[in-house]
C-alpha cells in the first residue's frame, strides 16, 4: 500500500519507521498477517490490513498495558486512516523482555 507508506514503500515500512522515530525501540517486529484474514472483514486484495507488532521500548516504563497500546495507536494513527484494519500489539519494557 503505497498510500500509507508514502514514497513508494509499504505500509509495514512506514509503520516501522514511525515507531522507531517516536519510541526508539530496542526491539521491533512488524509482521503483516493480512493473508491470514483473506475474505474477512477489513481485508483487501493486496493485503496490508492486518498486522502483529512486538515492540520493546523504554517508553513503556511505568505505563499500564492499556496506556502502552494507546501510545502505539497514537503513533500509528495515520496508518489506520490509510487502510490498517487490525493491529495486535505486544508492548514490553526492556526489563520485561529480558
Protein backbone atom coordinates (compact mmCIF):
# COMPACT_ATOMS: atom_id res chain seq x y z
CA UNK A 1 0.00 0.00 0.00
CA UNK A 2 1.97 2.93 -1.21
CA UNK A 3 -0.64 5.39 0.04
CA UNK A 4 0.03 4.53 3.67
CA UNK A 5 3.78 4.41 3.27
CA UNK A 6 4.50 7.32 1.00
CA UNK A 7 7.47 7.42 -1.36
CA UNK A 8 6.52 4.01 -2.80
CA UNK A 9 7.26 1.94 0.33
CA UNK A 10 4.97 -0.49 2.09
CA UNK A 11 2.70 0.30 4.98
CA UNK A 12 4.85 -2.04 7.08
CA UNK A 13 7.94 0.04 6.28
CA UNK A 14 6.10 3.25 7.12
CA UNK A 15 4.89 1.85 10.47
CA UNK A 16 8.36 0.60 11.36
CA UNK A 17 9.89 4.00 10.58
CA UNK A 18 7.27 5.85 12.65
CA UNK A 19 7.69 3.53 15.63
CA UNK A 20 11.49 3.78 15.51
CA UNK A 21 11.36 7.58 15.29
CA UNK A 22 8.77 8.05 18.05
CA UNK A 23 9.53 5.24 20.52
CA UNK A 24 13.19 4.29 19.87
CA UNK A 25 12.56 0.58 20.47
CA UNK A 26 15.29 -1.83 21.50
CA UNK A 27 13.40 -4.50 19.55
CA UNK A 28 10.72 -4.18 16.89
CA UNK A 29 8.94 -6.80 14.80
CA UNK A 30 6.17 -5.68 12.44
CA UNK A 31 4.51 -8.70 10.84
CA UNK A 32 1.93 -8.50 8.04
CA UNK A 33 -0.69 -11.16 8.80
CA UNK A 34 -3.17 -9.97 6.19
CA UNK A 35 -3.00 -13.29 4.31
CA UNK A 36 -4.50 -14.99 7.39
CA UNK A 37 -7.58 -12.77 7.13
CA UNK A 38 -8.39 -13.01 3.42
CA UNK A 39 -12.15 -12.92 2.99
CA UNK A 40 -12.73 -11.47 6.47
CA UNK A 41 -13.96 -8.01 7.40
CA UNK A 42 -11.45 -5.30 6.65
CA UNK A 43 -9.32 -7.47 4.35
CA UNK A 44 -8.45 -6.10 0.92
CA UNK A 45 -6.81 -7.63 -2.12
CA UNK A 46 -3.11 -6.86 -1.80
CA UNK A 47 -3.18 -7.11 1.99
CA UNK A 48 -1.55 -4.61 4.34
CA UNK A 49 -4.65 -4.56 6.55
CA UNK A 50 -3.82 -6.86 9.50
CA UNK A 51 -0.55 -6.62 11.42
CA UNK A 52 1.07 -8.08 14.54
CA UNK A 53 3.53 -5.90 16.41
CA UNK A 54 6.09 -6.95 19.03
CA UNK A 55 7.86 -3.91 20.45
CA UNK A 56 10.28 -3.48 23.34
CA UNK A 57 10.92 0.12 24.40
CA UNK A 58 11.86 2.15 27.46
CA UNK A 59 8.97 4.45 26.53
CA UNK A 60 6.65 1.86 28.12
CA UNK A 61 8.27 2.09 31.58
CA UNK A 62 5.66 2.87 34.24
CA UNK A 63 2.74 2.51 31.81
CA UNK A 64 -0.12 0.03 32.01
CA UNK A 65 -0.90 -2.35 29.15
CA UNK A 66 -3.74 -0.08 28.03
CA UNK A 67 -1.51 3.01 28.14
CA UNK A 68 1.13 1.23 26.06
CA UNK A 69 -1.43 0.24 23.43
CA UNK A 70 -2.82 3.76 23.33
CA UNK A 71 0.69 5.12 22.81
CA UNK A 72 1.34 2.73 19.91
CA UNK A 73 -2.06 3.50 18.37
CA UNK A 74 -1.39 7.24 18.62
CA UNK A 75 1.96 6.85 16.83
CA UNK A 76 0.27 4.80 14.09
CA UNK A 77 -2.93 6.87 13.84
CA UNK A 78 -2.30 7.75 10.18
CA UNK A 79 -1.90 4.05 9.31
CA UNK A 80 -5.46 3.40 10.48
CA UNK A 81 -6.65 6.32 8.37
CA UNK A 82 -4.88 4.81 5.33
CA UNK A 83 -6.22 1.29 5.48
CA UNK A 84 -4.83 -0.54 8.51
CA UNK A 85 -7.76 -2.53 9.85
CA UNK A 86 -6.36 -4.54 12.77
CA UNK A 87 -3.24 -4.36 14.90
CA UNK A 88 -2.28 -6.93 17.55
CA UNK A 89 0.24 -5.38 19.94
CA UNK A 90 2.72 -6.90 22.37
CA UNK A 91 4.42 -3.94 24.08
CA UNK A 92 7.08 -4.59 26.72
CA UNK A 93 9.82 -2.75 28.57
CA UNK A 94 13.44 -3.92 28.19
CA UNK A 95 13.28 -5.47 31.69
CA UNK A 96 10.14 -7.43 30.80
CA UNK A 97 11.75 -8.72 27.60
CA UNK A 98 14.99 -9.83 29.29
